[in-house]
Amino acid sequence: MSTVIENQRHLFRIPDDITYLNCAYMSPQLNSVEAAGIEGLRRKSAPWEITTEDFFTDSERARELFARLIGARANDIAFIPSASYGIATAARNIHVGAGEKIVVLAEQFPSNYYTWQKLAEQCGAHLHTVPVPADGDWTAALLETLNDGVAVVAIPQVHWADGSLVNLEAVGERCRRIAAALVLDLTQSAGALPFDVSAVEPDFAVAACYKWLLGPYSLGFMYAHPRHHDGSPLEENWIARANSRDLAALSDYDARYQSGARRFDVGERSNLVMMPMIIRALEQIDGWGVENISATLARLSRYLAERAVEAGLAVSAAGHNAPHLTGLRLPRQDPRAVLEALNAAGVYISLRGDCVRVSPHLYNDKDDIDRLIAVLRRQRPQV
């Protein structure tokens, strides 16, 4: 049973006159995450106090916390600097034959598109794009497409433009049936929407930290299924090697890697600033509980949908949308003029295509939604 969480705005440094409904763009930092980053910066000023073990302790703690978040083991988690780095790693470790299909969603985020486009060109495969479904039901549209001849399904859990949701358990089951690899971009869902690798069984899943994981930019996580743990990393660096804890012996080159998915770690992943920051962010998310975060944001999003309909706005993918990210359609309005009016009023959202993308977090409440709707009402053209 999930619990609705009380407003947590006091844990963030958000001015009273700002309504920030744009976590899908970039989260504000928790005060505790900011403090951890500042302390990390100060540590670098005294490098004589930084030990060899410091390169490993924090990273293993962060690995464990993210693994817990998605129902995995720490051994299955690698550090990546971006979603695109993780997707490129996945593509390097999945075989695609000539004439086979790689399936993506229409208008999905480029980081999970360009790599597959290039791979299809290189190996003579076909990149198949599932069109935007008129009813917003990506799951049904995907399942219709997934048949023999599909080698890879590369999709998000939540479409970044309007919050339309994919039932990954159903897609995962179909992928296993047709022996297709499943590669997921969880950047717009990890930390806000429950996800369990044992229920979905993806080959790889990536998530950048700077959105719903409430962490810093230029850091992310990649889950690699154990069947890929003997795969080929995107780069060869010292810290992924079996002897990396012995700095004095690094030039005694060791062909062995550290265990599990650690071979896929990006070089310089032991960032003394970012690691303490993501640890604090993940500890806070763990304390709240993802199920509770999701339930709380779902309640706020339902209120948003109700108010939007009252104001004559259409909710994109209604009935198939995620609990934390909602797209509103603006009839006969200039989206950029609407964005300017919102920003002038201290209300911050994103435009994605013809959608006003609204993405609240625990620092928002119904007053923020009312403020958004009031500005949108004023922008409606007079009939």
Protein backbone atom coordinates (compact mmCIF):
# COMPACT_ATOMS: atom_id res chain seq x y z
CA MET A 1 0.00 0.00 0.00
CA SER A 2 1.52 3.31 -1.11
CA THR A 3 1.46 6.46 1.01
CA VAL A 4 0.92 10.01 -0.21
CA ILE A 5 3.93 12.13 0.71
CA GLU A 6 3.47 15.60 2.15
CA ASN A 7 4.91 18.53 0.20
CA GLN A 8 8.72 18.44 0.33
CA ARG A 9 9.47 21.92 -1.00
CA HIS A 10 11.40 22.75 2.18
CA LEU A 11 14.10 20.28 1.08
CA PHE A 12 14.81 22.32 -2.06
CA ARG A 13 15.97 25.88 -2.64
CA ILE A 14 13.03 27.07 -4.75
CA PRO A 15 11.91 30.71 -4.32
CA ASP A 16 8.33 31.27 -3.21
CA ASP A 17 7.43 33.10 -6.42
CA ILE A 18 8.57 30.24 -8.67
CA THR A 19 6.30 27.43 -9.83
CA TYR A 20 8.61 24.79 -11.26
CA LEU A 21 6.71 22.05 -13.08
CA ASN A 22 9.59 20.90 -15.25
CA CYS A 23 11.37 17.96 -13.62
CA ALA A 24 11.34 16.14 -16.97
CA TYR A 25 13.70 18.86 -18.21
CA MET A 26 15.99 18.94 -15.18
CA SER A 27 15.35 18.52 -11.49
CA PRO A 28 16.30 21.16 -8.97
CA GLN A 29 18.83 19.88 -6.48
CA LEU A 30 17.93 18.83 -3.00
CA ASN A 31 19.66 21.02 -0.42
CA SER A 32 21.42 17.91 0.85
CA VAL A 33 22.66 17.05 -2.65
CA GLU A 34 24.01 20.56 -3.09
CA ALA A 35 25.81 20.30 0.26
CA ALA A 36 27.33 16.96 -0.74
CA GLY A 37 28.62 18.49 -3.98
CA ILE A 38 30.18 21.44 -2.18
CA GLU A 39 31.89 19.13 0.28
CA GLY A 40 33.18 17.08 -2.65
CA LEU A 41 34.68 20.19 -4.21
CA ARG A 42 36.43 21.00 -0.94
CA ARG A 43 37.92 17.49 -0.76
CA LYS A 44 39.79 18.07 -4.02
CA SER A 45 41.51 21.04 -2.41
CA ALA A 46 43.31 18.59 -0.10
CA PRO A 47 44.26 15.67 -2.40
CA TRP A 48 46.72 14.29 0.17
CA GLU A 49 43.66 13.24 2.18
CA ILE A 50 42.16 11.27 -0.73
CA THR A 51 43.05 7.58 -0.53
CA THR A 52 42.96 4.81 -3.11
CA GLU A 53 39.92 3.32 -1.41
CA ASP A 54 38.03 6.58 -1.97
CA PHE A 55 37.94 5.75 -5.68
CA PHE A 56 35.85 2.68 -4.91
CA THR A 57 33.81 3.15 -1.72
CA ASP A 58 31.36 5.81 -2.88
CA SER A 59 30.91 4.28 -6.32
CA GLU A 60 29.97 0.92 -4.82
CA ARG A 61 27.48 2.60 -2.50
CA ALA A 62 25.88 4.41 -5.46
CA ARG A 63 25.82 1.19 -7.46
CA GLU A 64 24.01 -0.59 -4.63
CA LEU A 65 21.43 2.18 -4.23
CA PHE A 66 20.52 2.30 -7.92
CA ALA A 67 20.38 -1.49 -8.07
CA ARG A 68 17.89 -1.48 -5.19
CA LEU A 69 15.79 1.11 -7.01
CA ILE A 70 15.23 -1.18 -10.01
CA GLY A 71 15.30 -4.57 -8.31
CA ALA A 72 18.74 -5.53 -9.61
CA ARG A 73 22.07 -6.46 -8.01
CA ALA A 74 25.00 -4.09 -7.68
CA ASN A 75 26.93 -6.51 -9.89
CA ASP A 76 24.54 -5.65 -12.77
CA ILE A 77 25.14 -1.89 -12.67
CA ALA A 78 27.68 0.22 -14.57
CA PHE A 79 28.37 3.97 -14.50
CA ILE A 80 27.86 5.95 -17.69
CA PRO A 81 28.27 9.68 -18.41
CA SER A 82 25.10 9.88 -20.51
CA ALA A 83 22.21 7.82 -21.83
CA SER A 84 23.79 7.81 -25.30
CA TYR A 85 26.98 6.23 -23.91
CA GLY A 86 24.93 3.40 -22.42
CA ILE A 87 22.93 2.90 -25.61
CA ALA A 88 26.16 2.75 -27.63
CA THR A 89 27.47 0.12 -25.20
CA ALA A 90 24.28 -1.91 -25.63
CA ALA A 91 24.50 -1.71 -29.43
CA ARG A 92 28.09 -2.93 -29.31
CA ASN A 93 26.99 -6.06 -27.47
CA ILE A 94 23.86 -7.05 -29.41
CA HIS A 95 24.02 -8.91 -32.71
CA VAL A 96 21.82 -7.60 -35.51
CA GLY A 97 21.81 -9.40 -38.83
CA ALA A 98 21.15 -8.13 -42.33
CA GLY A 99 17.44 -7.84 -43.03
CA GLU A 100 16.45 -7.91 -39.35
CA LYS A 101 14.47 -5.11 -37.73
CA ILE A 102 15.33 -2.64 -34.98
CA VAL A 103 12.14 -1.19 -33.49
CA VAL A 104 11.86 2.32 -32.01
CA LEU A 105 8.98 4.68 -31.24
CA ALA A 106 8.15 7.70 -33.35
CA GLU A 107 9.67 10.89 -31.96
CA GLN A 108 11.43 9.15 -29.08
CA PHE A 109 14.44 10.87 -27.54
CA PRO A 110 17.42 11.04 -29.97
CA SER A 111 19.88 9.38 -27.56
CA ASN A 112 17.99 6.11 -28.07
CA TYR A 113 17.58 6.59 -31.82
CA TYR A 114 20.75 7.72 -33.59
CA THR A 115 22.83 4.74 -32.46
CA TRP A 116 20.25 2.31 -33.84
CA GLN A 117 19.92 4.26 -37.05
CA LYS A 118 23.67 3.96 -37.62
CA LEU A 119 23.75 0.30 -36.60
CA ALA A 120 20.95 -0.50 -39.07
CA GLU A 121 22.91 1.20 -41.85
CA GLN A 122 26.12 -0.63 -40.95
CA CYS A 123 24.66 -4.13 -40.83
CA GLY A 124 21.94 -3.87 -43.47
CA ALA A 125 19.10 -4.03 -40.98
CA HIS A 126 15.82 -2.13 -41.14
CA LEU A 127 15.02 0.58 -38.61
CA HIS A 128 11.29 0.32 -38.01
CA THR A 129 9.57 3.30 -36.39
CA VAL A 130 6.23 2.64 -34.69
CA PRO A 131 3.91 5.55 -35.61
CA VAL A 132 2.31 7.68 -32.91
CA PRO A 133 -0.92 5.83 -31.98
CA ALA A 134 -4.05 7.94 -32.31
CA ASP A 135 -5.35 6.67 -28.95
CA GLY A 136 -2.02 7.09 -27.12
CA ASP A 137 -1.66 3.33 -26.53
CA TRP A 138 1.99 2.65 -27.37
CA THR A 139 1.82 -0.83 -25.84
CA ALA A 140 -0.80 -2.12 -28.27
CA ALA A 141 0.97 -0.46 -31.20
CA LEU A 142 4.28 -2.05 -30.19
CA LEU A 143 2.89 -5.53 -29.64
CA GLU A 144 1.36 -5.43 -33.12
CA THR A 145 4.83 -4.78 -34.52
CA LEU A 146 6.84 -7.33 -32.56
CA ASN A 147 7.13 -10.52 -34.56
CA ASP A 148 9.79 -12.81 -35.99
CA GLY A 149 12.55 -10.85 -37.66
CA VAL A 150 12.81 -8.23 -34.90
CA ALA A 151 16.32 -8.22 -33.43
CA VAL A 152 16.16 -5.23 -31.09
CA VAL A 153 13.43 -3.24 -29.39
CA ALA A 154 14.86 0.09 -28.18
CA ILE A 155 12.26 2.12 -26.31
CA PRO A 156 11.56 4.26 -23.23
CA GLN A 157 9.19 3.44 -20.40
CA VAL A 158 7.62 6.88 -20.80
CA HIS A 159 7.58 8.92 -23.99
CA TRP A 160 9.51 12.11 -23.26
CA ALA A 161 7.21 14.44 -25.21
CA ASP A 162 3.83 13.84 -23.57
CA GLY A 163 4.15 11.22 -20.84
CA SER A 164 2.48 8.38 -22.73
CA LEU A 165 3.31 5.10 -21.02
CA VAL A 166 4.57 1.74 -22.28
CA ASN A 167 3.69 -1.48 -20.45
CA LEU A 168 7.21 -2.87 -20.30
CA GLU A 169 6.22 -6.17 -18.73
CA ALA A 170 4.03 -6.98 -21.74
CA VAL A 171 6.72 -5.83 -24.17
CA GLY A 172 9.41 -7.76 -22.30
CA GLU A 173 7.37 -10.95 -22.44
CA ARG A 174 6.87 -10.56 -26.20
CA CYS A 175 10.58 -9.87 -26.73
CA ARG A 176 11.51 -13.06 -24.93
CA ARG A 177 9.02 -15.01 -27.06
CA ILE A 178 10.53 -13.78 -30.34
CA ALA A 179 14.15 -13.73 -29.03
CA ALA A 180 14.53 -9.97 -29.52
CA ALA A 181 16.89 -7.91 -27.38
CA LEU A 182 15.21 -5.22 -25.26
CA VAL A 183 17.08 -1.96 -24.58
CA LEU A 184 15.41 0.64 -22.38
CA ASP A 185 15.91 4.33 -21.73
CA LEU A 186 14.54 4.93 -18.22
CA THR A 187 15.72 8.53 -17.97
CA GLN A 188 12.15 9.87 -17.85
CA SER A 189 10.93 7.29 -15.34
CA ALA A 190 13.64 5.94 -13.01
CA GLY A 191 13.04 7.44 -9.59
CA ALA A 192 9.43 8.42 -10.29
CA LEU A 193 7.85 5.23 -11.61
CA PRO A 194 8.27 1.72 -10.21
CA PHE A 195 10.37 -0.60 -12.35
CA ASP A 196 11.61 -4.13 -11.68
CA VAL A 197 14.19 -5.76 -13.94
CA SER A 198 13.03 -9.24 -12.90
CA ALA A 199 9.53 -8.52 -14.26
CA VAL A 200 10.71 -6.96 -17.54
CA GLU A 201 14.08 -8.71 -18.14
CA PRO A 202 15.71 -6.15 -20.44
CA ASP A 203 19.11 -6.78 -21.94
CA PHE A 204 20.22 -3.26 -21.06
CA ALA A 205 18.58 -0.27 -19.39
CA VAL A 206 20.04 3.22 -18.99
CA ALA A 207 19.08 6.26 -16.94
CA ALA A 208 20.66 9.70 -16.70
CA CYS A 209 20.73 11.13 -13.17
CA TYR A 210 19.78 14.77 -13.68
CA LYS A 211 16.02 14.36 -13.98
CA TRP A 212 13.90 12.08 -11.76
CA LEU A 213 16.93 10.68 -9.91
CA LEU A 214 17.49 14.24 -8.57
CA GLY A 215 21.22 13.97 -9.18
CA PRO A 216 23.97 15.82 -11.07
CA TYR A 217 24.47 16.23 -14.79
CA SER A 218 27.01 14.05 -16.68
CA LEU A 219 26.36 10.93 -14.62
CA GLY A 220 24.07 7.97 -15.22
CA PHE A 221 23.58 4.26 -14.66
CA MET A 222 23.34 1.28 -16.96
CA TYR A 223 21.84 -2.06 -16.07
CA ALA A 224 23.30 -5.02 -17.97
CA HIS A 225 21.63 -8.42 -17.78
CA PRO A 226 24.05 -11.10 -16.48
CA ARG A 227 24.11 -12.74 -19.92
CA HIS A 228 26.02 -9.66 -21.14
CA HIS A 229 28.54 -9.47 -18.29
CA ASP A 230 31.29 -10.91 -20.48
CA GLY A 231 30.61 -8.31 -23.18
CA SER A 232 32.80 -5.70 -24.80
CA PRO A 233 33.01 -2.28 -23.09
CA LEU A 234 32.91 0.92 -25.08
CA GLU A 235 36.31 1.96 -23.74
CA GLU A 236 39.28 0.32 -22.05
CA ASN A 237 40.18 2.14 -18.83
CA TRP A 238 42.26 1.35 -15.80
CA ILE A 239 39.57 1.36 -13.14
CA ALA A 240 37.52 -1.40 -14.76
CA ARG A 241 40.44 -3.82 -14.52
CA ALA A 242 40.83 -6.52 -11.91
CA ASN A 243 44.01 -5.00 -10.43
CA SER A 244 42.77 -1.39 -10.32
CA ARG A 245 42.82 -1.14 -6.52
CA ASP A 246 46.61 -1.48 -6.56
CA LEU A 247 47.71 1.84 -8.02
CA ALA A 248 51.38 0.94 -7.75
CA ALA A 249 50.87 -2.06 -10.03
CA LEU A 250 48.69 -0.50 -12.75
CA SER A 251 51.44 -0.90 -15.35
CA ASP A 252 51.42 -4.65 -14.66
CA TYR A 253 48.69 -4.80 -17.29
CA ASP A 254 45.86 -7.15 -16.41
CA ALA A 255 43.56 -8.47 -19.15
CA ARG A 256 40.90 -9.36 -16.59
CA TYR A 257 38.03 -7.03 -15.74
CA GLN A 258 36.31 -6.36 -12.45
CA SER A 259 33.28 -8.54 -11.89
CA GLY A 260 29.88 -8.17 -13.48
CA ALA A 261 28.84 -5.01 -15.31
CA ARG A 262 31.77 -3.04 -13.85
CA ARG A 263 33.71 -3.69 -17.05
CA PHE A 264 31.32 -1.22 -18.73
CA ASP A 265 32.11 1.63 -16.30
CA VAL A 266 33.12 4.90 -17.91
CA GLY A 267 36.63 6.09 -17.15
CA GLU A 268 36.98 8.57 -14.27
CA ARG A 269 33.67 7.38 -12.88
CA SER A 270 34.91 7.90 -9.32
CA ASN A 271 34.10 11.60 -9.44
CA LEU A 272 34.65 12.96 -5.94
CA VAL A 273 31.95 15.60 -6.45
CA MET A 274 29.21 13.73 -8.31
CA MET A 275 29.34 10.42 -6.44
CA PRO A 276 28.46 11.92 -3.03
CA MET A 277 25.71 13.91 -4.75
CA ILE A 278 24.00 10.95 -6.40
CA ILE A 279 24.37 8.89 -3.22
CA ARG A 280 22.49 11.53 -1.24
CA ALA A 281 19.83 11.83 -3.93
CA LEU A 282 19.29 8.07 -4.12
CA GLU A 283 19.18 7.79 -0.32
CA GLN A 284 16.41 10.38 -0.27
CA ILE A 285 14.46 8.62 -3.03
CA ASP A 286 14.89 5.34 -1.16
CA GLY A 287 13.60 7.01 2.00
CA TRP A 288 10.51 8.32 0.25
CA GLY A 289 9.96 5.10 -1.71
CA VAL A 290 9.38 5.14 -5.48
CA GLU A 291 5.88 3.69 -5.08
CA ASN A 292 4.99 6.55 -2.72
CA ILE A 293 6.55 9.15 -5.04
CA SER A 294 4.56 7.73 -7.96
CA ALA A 295 1.30 7.67 -6.01
CA THR A 296 1.78 11.25 -4.83
CA LEU A 297 2.56 12.56 -8.30
CA ALA A 298 -0.35 10.58 -9.78
CA ARG A 299 -2.71 12.36 -7.41
CA LEU A 300 -1.34 15.73 -8.47
CA SER A 301 -1.48 14.79 -12.16
CA ARG A 302 -5.12 13.76 -11.84
CA TYR A 303 -5.88 17.18 -10.41
CA LEU A 304 -3.97 18.75 -13.30
CA ALA A 305 -5.98 16.76 -15.86
CA GLU A 306 -9.27 17.77 -14.23
CA ARG A 307 -8.37 21.46 -14.18
CA ALA A 308 -7.04 21.32 -17.75
CA VAL A 309 -10.26 19.82 -19.09
CA GLU A 310 -12.27 22.48 -17.24
CA ALA A 311 -10.12 25.08 -19.00
CA GLY A 312 -10.84 23.57 -22.43
CA LEU A 313 -7.44 21.91 -22.85
CA ALA A 314 -6.89 18.38 -24.13
CA VAL A 315 -4.82 15.88 -22.16
CA SER A 316 -2.50 13.95 -24.45
CA ALA A 317 -2.65 10.14 -24.26
CA ALA A 318 -5.42 10.33 -21.66
CA GLY A 319 -5.81 6.90 -20.10
CA HIS A 320 -2.35 5.84 -21.24
CA ASN A 321 -0.19 8.47 -19.56
CA ALA A 322 2.39 8.17 -16.81
CA PRO A 323 1.56 9.41 -13.29
CA HIS A 324 4.33 12.02 -13.25
CA LEU A 325 4.40 13.54 -16.73
CA THR A 326 1.43 15.03 -18.60
CA GLY A 327 1.12 16.57 -22.04
CA LEU A 328 -1.49 19.28 -22.63
CA ARG A 329 -2.60 20.22 -26.14
CA LEU A 330 -3.25 23.90 -26.85
CA PRO A 331 -6.01 24.48 -29.42
CA ARG A 332 -5.39 27.43 -31.75
CA GLN A 333 -2.59 28.88 -29.65
CA ASP A 334 0.98 29.82 -30.42
CA PRO A 335 2.95 27.50 -28.10
CA ARG A 336 5.95 29.82 -27.88
CA ALA A 337 3.77 32.78 -26.90
CA VAL A 338 2.23 30.58 -24.20
CA LEU A 339 5.69 29.62 -22.94
CA GLU A 340 6.73 33.28 -22.76
CA ALA A 341 3.60 34.16 -20.80
CA LEU A 342 4.17 31.30 -18.36
CA ASN A 343 7.79 32.22 -17.76
CA ALA A 344 6.81 35.87 -17.24
CA ALA A 345 4.45 34.66 -14.51
CA GLY A 346 7.18 32.55 -12.87
CA VAL A 347 5.72 29.26 -14.12
CA TYR A 348 8.14 26.84 -15.78
CA ILE A 349 7.19 23.92 -18.04
CA SER A 350 8.56 22.58 -21.35
CA LEU A 351 7.27 22.64 -24.90
CA ARG A 352 7.78 19.36 -26.73
CA GLY A 353 6.27 19.41 -30.20
CA ASP A 354 2.77 20.81 -29.83
CA CYS A 355 2.55 19.70 -26.20
CA VAL A 356 2.85 21.70 -23.02
CA ARG A 357 4.74 19.11 -20.96
CA VAL A 358 3.97 19.37 -17.25
CA SER A 359 6.16 17.34 -14.89
CA PRO A 360 5.72 18.04 -11.16
CA HIS A 361 7.64 16.55 -8.27
CA LEU A 362 7.24 16.46 -4.50
CA TYR A 363 7.99 20.19 -4.22
CA ASN A 364 4.72 20.95 -6.04
CA ASP A 365 1.14 21.12 -4.82
CA LYS A 366 -2.34 22.01 -6.12
CA ASP A 367 -1.60 25.74 -5.83
CA ASP A 368 1.14 25.30 -8.45
CA ILE A 369 -1.33 23.57 -10.77
CA ASP A 370 -3.90 26.33 -10.25
CA ARG A 371 -1.29 28.94 -11.08
CA LEU A 372 -0.39 27.13 -14.30
CA ILE A 373 -4.02 26.76 -15.38
CA ALA A 374 -4.76 30.42 -14.62
CA VAL A 375 -2.04 31.54 -17.04
CA LEU A 376 -3.15 29.05 -19.70
CA ARG A 377 -6.73 30.30 -19.40
CA ARG A 378 -5.58 33.86 -20.01
CA GLN A 379 -3.74 32.73 -23.15
CA ARG A 380 -6.75 31.09 -24.75
CA PRO A 381 -7.89 32.91 -27.90
CA GLN A 382 -11.21 34.70 -27.63
CA VAL A 383 -13.91 33.14 -29.78
